[in-house]
N, C-alpha and C. Protein backbone atom coordinates (compact mmCIF):
# COMPACT_ATOMS: atom_id res chain seq x y z
N MET A 1 16.40 -9.73 3.05
CA MET A 1 16.29 -8.89 3.69
C MET A 1 15.67 -9.49 5.07
N GLU A 2 15.54 -8.80 6.18
CA GLU A 2 15.78 -9.33 7.61
C GLU A 2 14.10 -9.63 7.87
N PHE A 3 14.03 -10.55 9.18
CA PHE A 3 12.37 -11.13 9.48
C PHE A 3 11.68 -9.53 10.07
N ASN A 4 12.66 -8.62 10.89
CA ASN A 4 12.30 -7.22 11.17
C ASN A 4 11.54 -6.41 10.17
N SER A 5 12.15 -6.51 9.10
CA SER A 5 11.78 -5.22 7.69
C SER A 5 10.79 -5.80 7.40
N VAL A 6 10.70 -7.49 7.34
CA VAL A 6 9.44 -8.14 6.96
C VAL A 6 8.40 -7.60 7.47
N LEU A 7 8.54 -7.61 9.05
CA LEU A 7 7.31 -7.45 9.78
C LEU A 7 7.22 -6.07 9.88
N ALA A 8 7.70 -5.03 9.72
CA ALA A 8 7.52 -3.62 9.63
C ALA A 8 7.28 -3.30 7.98
N MET A 9 7.22 -4.02 6.95
CA MET A 9 6.59 -4.10 6.10
C MET A 9 5.13 -4.25 5.75
N VAL A 10 4.88 -5.23 6.91
CA VAL A 10 3.35 -5.89 6.84
C VAL A 10 2.38 -4.98 7.82
N LEU A 11 3.08 -4.50 8.78
CA LEU A 11 2.68 -3.43 9.80
C LEU A 11 2.12 -2.53 9.02
N ILE A 12 3.13 -1.32 8.81
CA ILE A 12 3.19 -0.52 7.59
C ILE A 12 2.10 -0.47 6.51
N GLY A 13 2.08 -1.86 5.85
CA GLY A 13 1.11 -2.50 5.00
C GLY A 13 -0.48 -2.32 5.27
N ALA A 14 -0.35 -2.44 6.69
CA ALA A 14 -1.67 -2.56 7.02
C ALA A 14 -2.25 -1.07 7.12
N ILE A 15 -1.74 -0.69 8.16
CA ILE A 15 -1.85 0.70 7.84
C ILE A 15 -2.12 1.38 7.32
N ALA A 16 -1.26 1.60 6.02
CA ALA A 16 -1.68 1.84 4.90
C ALA A 16 -2.82 1.44 4.24
N GLY A 17 -3.38 0.12 4.24
CA GLY A 17 -4.53 -0.10 3.14
C GLY A 17 -5.42 0.50 4.00
N TRP A 18 -6.02 0.59 5.28
CA TRP A 18 -7.12 1.02 5.60
C TRP A 18 -7.11 2.50 5.52
N ILE A 19 -5.71 2.94 5.42
CA ILE A 19 -6.14 4.64 5.07
C ILE A 19 -6.11 4.81 3.71
N ALA A 20 -5.90 3.52 2.76
CA ALA A 20 -6.41 4.00 1.39
C ALA A 20 -7.98 3.38 1.17
N GLY A 21 -7.97 2.36 1.31
CA GLY A 21 -9.86 2.02 2.18
C GLY A 21 -10.77 3.41 2.73
N LYS A 22 -10.30 4.08 3.39
CA LYS A 22 -11.03 5.27 3.06
C LYS A 22 -11.33 6.46 2.58
N LEU A 23 -9.54 6.83 1.97
CA LEU A 23 -9.85 7.53 0.82
C LEU A 23 -10.08 7.24 -0.74
N MET A 24 -10.21 5.59 -1.19
CA MET A 24 -10.94 5.38 -2.22
C MET A 24 -12.21 5.22 -1.50
N LYS A 25 -13.31 5.61 -1.03
CA LYS A 25 -14.61 5.14 -1.05
C LYS A 25 -15.23 4.48 -2.02
N GLY A 26 -16.22 3.45 -1.88
CA GLY A 26 -16.32 2.73 -2.49
C GLY A 26 -15.53 1.64 -3.23
N ARG A 27 -14.30 1.62 -3.30
CA ARG A 27 -13.46 0.57 -3.68
C ARG A 27 -12.84 -0.26 -2.82
N GLY A 28 -13.12 -0.40 -1.91
CA GLY A 28 -12.29 -1.11 -0.91
C GLY A 28 -13.42 -2.26 -1.19
N PHE A 29 -12.28 -3.28 -0.25
CA PHE A 29 -12.97 -4.84 -0.06
C PHE A 29 -13.11 -4.80 1.33
N GLY A 30 -13.55 -3.95 1.86
CA GLY A 30 -13.57 -4.36 3.67
C GLY A 30 -12.28 -3.77 4.25
N ILE A 31 -12.44 -4.11 5.69
CA ILE A 31 -11.15 -3.29 6.73
C ILE A 31 -10.20 -4.84 6.05
N PHE A 32 -10.92 -6.06 5.79
CA PHE A 32 -9.49 -7.48 5.96
C PHE A 32 -8.83 -7.06 5.06
N GLY A 33 -9.85 -7.15 3.67
CA GLY A 33 -9.43 -6.88 2.10
C GLY A 33 -8.24 -5.77 1.91
N ASN A 34 -8.79 -4.63 2.56
CA ASN A 34 -8.01 -3.33 2.38
C ASN A 34 -6.77 -3.73 3.05
N ILE A 35 -6.69 -3.93 4.18
CA ILE A 35 -5.37 -4.63 4.90
C ILE A 35 -4.27 -5.23 3.80
N ILE A 36 -5.19 -6.21 3.17
CA ILE A 36 -4.18 -7.65 2.35
C ILE A 36 -3.53 -6.47 1.51
N VAL A 37 -5.18 -5.72 1.04
CA VAL A 37 -4.15 -4.84 -0.20
C VAL A 37 -3.39 -3.90 0.14
N GLY A 38 -3.32 -3.24 1.36
CA GLY A 38 -2.40 -2.56 1.89
C GLY A 38 -0.92 -2.79 1.95
N ILE A 39 -0.67 -4.35 2.00
CA ILE A 39 0.39 -5.14 2.15
C ILE A 39 0.81 -5.58 1.05
N VAL A 40 -0.49 -5.70 0.01
CA VAL A 40 0.99 -5.98 -1.49
C VAL A 40 1.39 -4.17 -1.51
N GLY A 41 0.40 -3.53 -1.73
CA GLY A 41 1.20 -2.11 -2.15
C GLY A 41 2.07 -1.78 -1.85
N ALA A 42 2.02 -2.33 -0.56
CA ALA A 42 3.73 -1.74 0.25
C ALA A 42 4.28 -2.25 -0.15
N PHE A 43 4.54 -3.36 -0.70
CA PHE A 43 5.99 -4.29 -1.41
C PHE A 43 5.61 -3.75 -2.82
N LEU A 44 4.91 -3.66 -3.61
CA LEU A 44 4.46 -3.12 -4.41
C LEU A 44 5.88 -1.31 -5.01
N ALA A 45 4.76 -0.93 -3.74
CA ALA A 45 5.44 0.37 -3.90
C ALA A 45 7.18 0.37 -3.43
N GLY A 46 7.31 -0.30 -2.23
CA GLY A 46 8.75 -0.74 -2.00
C GLY A 46 9.84 -1.36 -3.48
N LEU A 47 9.10 -2.25 -3.80
CA LEU A 47 9.79 -2.61 -5.32
C LEU A 47 10.07 -1.02 -6.68
N ILE A 48 8.69 -0.33 -6.82
CA ILE A 48 8.37 -0.03 -8.15
C ILE A 48 9.05 1.74 -7.68
N PHE A 49 8.47 2.27 -6.73
CA PHE A 49 8.81 3.70 -6.73
C PHE A 49 10.14 3.79 -6.52
N PRO A 50 11.08 3.15 -5.64
CA PRO A 50 13.02 3.64 -5.78
C PRO A 50 13.34 3.44 -7.06
N ALA A 51 12.93 2.26 -8.17
CA ALA A 51 13.52 2.46 -9.35
C ALA A 51 12.87 3.39 -10.40
N LEU A 52 11.40 4.39 -9.80
CA LEU A 52 11.09 5.21 -10.30
C LEU A 52 12.15 6.06 -9.92
N GLY A 53 12.72 6.58 -9.25
CA GLY A 53 13.08 7.64 -8.39
C GLY A 53 12.32 8.67 -7.34
N PHE A 54 11.31 7.85 -7.12
CA PHE A 54 10.38 8.63 -6.55
C PHE A 54 10.83 8.11 -4.90
N THR A 55 11.18 9.67 -4.15
CA THR A 55 11.31 9.27 -2.95
C THR A 55 10.94 10.22 -2.02
N VAL A 56 10.57 9.90 -0.59
CA VAL A 56 10.06 11.27 -0.07
C VAL A 56 10.40 11.09 1.14
N GLY A 57 11.39 10.21 1.85
CA GLY A 57 12.43 10.50 2.52
C GLY A 57 12.37 9.80 3.04
N GLY A 58 13.36 9.68 4.28
CA GLY A 58 13.05 7.97 5.32
C GLY A 58 11.67 8.24 6.43
N GLY A 59 11.86 7.14 7.20
CA GLY A 59 11.08 6.96 8.26
C GLY A 59 9.72 6.15 8.24
N THR A 60 9.02 6.31 9.50
CA THR A 60 8.05 5.57 9.32
C THR A 60 6.72 6.53 8.60
N LEU A 61 7.04 7.63 8.91
CA LEU A 61 5.60 8.29 8.75
C LEU A 61 5.94 8.40 7.04
N ALA A 62 7.04 8.37 5.93
CA ALA A 62 7.45 8.14 4.48
C ALA A 62 7.40 6.81 4.15
N SER A 63 7.25 6.03 5.17
CA SER A 63 7.19 4.10 4.58
C SER A 63 5.79 4.18 4.37
N ILE A 64 4.72 4.81 5.47
CA ILE A 64 2.97 4.68 5.60
C ILE A 64 2.78 5.61 4.01
N PHE A 65 3.45 6.97 3.70
CA PHE A 65 3.11 7.46 2.61
C PHE A 65 2.87 6.65 1.34
N HIS A 66 4.47 6.04 1.15
CA HIS A 66 4.63 5.61 -0.02
C HIS A 66 3.89 3.90 -0.23
N ALA A 67 3.89 3.26 1.20
CA ALA A 67 2.68 2.05 0.57
C ALA A 67 1.50 3.02 0.84
N THR A 68 0.61 3.86 1.33
CA THR A 68 -0.48 4.29 1.02
C THR A 68 -0.80 4.66 -0.43
N ILE A 69 -0.01 5.00 -1.06
CA ILE A 69 0.06 5.91 -2.74
C ILE A 69 0.13 4.66 -3.45
N GLY A 70 1.14 2.94 -2.70
CA GLY A 70 0.95 1.81 -3.61
C GLY A 70 -0.47 1.49 -3.56
N ALA A 71 -1.16 1.36 -2.18
CA ALA A 71 -2.62 0.68 -2.06
C ALA A 71 -3.26 1.49 -2.75
N VAL A 72 -3.08 2.68 -2.81
CA VAL A 72 -4.23 3.39 -3.74
C VAL A 72 -4.82 3.01 -5.42
N ILE A 73 -2.97 2.74 -5.88
CA ILE A 73 -2.88 2.94 -6.97
C ILE A 73 -3.71 1.38 -7.54
N LEU A 74 -2.96 0.44 -6.03
CA LEU A 74 -3.43 -1.13 -6.52
C LEU A 74 -5.17 -1.65 -6.21
N LEU A 75 -5.80 -0.53 -5.54
CA LEU A 75 -7.30 -0.29 -5.39
C LEU A 75 -7.75 0.50 -6.15
N PHE A 76 -7.21 0.97 -7.47
CA PHE A 76 -7.34 1.56 -8.72
C PHE A 76 -7.65 0.16 -9.85
N LEU A 77 -6.56 0.04 -9.89
CA LEU A 77 -6.67 -0.82 -10.82
C LEU A 77 -7.32 -2.20 -10.86
N ILE A 78 -7.60 -2.90 -9.13
CA ILE A 78 -8.82 -3.73 -8.72
C ILE A 78 -9.89 -3.49 -9.58
N GLY A 79 -10.70 -1.63 -8.85
CA GLY A 79 -11.73 -1.60 -9.88
C GLY A 79 -11.80 -1.50 -10.92
N LEU A 80 -10.88 -1.30 -11.82
CA LEU A 80 -11.09 -1.12 -13.05
C LEU A 80 -11.26 -2.89 -13.65
N VAL A 81 -10.38 -3.55 -13.18
CA VAL A 81 -10.47 -4.87 -13.75
C VAL A 81 -12.07 -5.45 -12.93
N ASN A 82 -12.29 -5.14 -12.04
CA ASN A 82 -13.40 -5.59 -11.57
C ASN A 82 -14.49 -4.85 -12.11
N ARG A 83 -14.19 -3.93 -12.90
CA ARG A 83 -15.74 -3.42 -13.68
C ARG A 83 -16.04 -3.60 -14.92
N SER A 84 -14.83 -4.23 -15.58
CA SER A 84 -14.68 -5.53 -16.94
C SER A 84 -15.33 -6.37 -16.98
């Protein structure tokens, strides 16, 4: 993986984390926490979704959509763990 692709994934993950925080009101961790969750969600989505055959196309908007789904799922799972 090249540095440019890692940097792009971090930036897209940051945007996705912010969007996921807005979508999952009450389950977020503040702006910086949601950005971290978005970055981790982007990495997870980049690994899991292609293996499952889930694709939404190419480009930046599709990557943001993918990463946002991964971040929302991650926020949901973290919320479940924190409640128990």
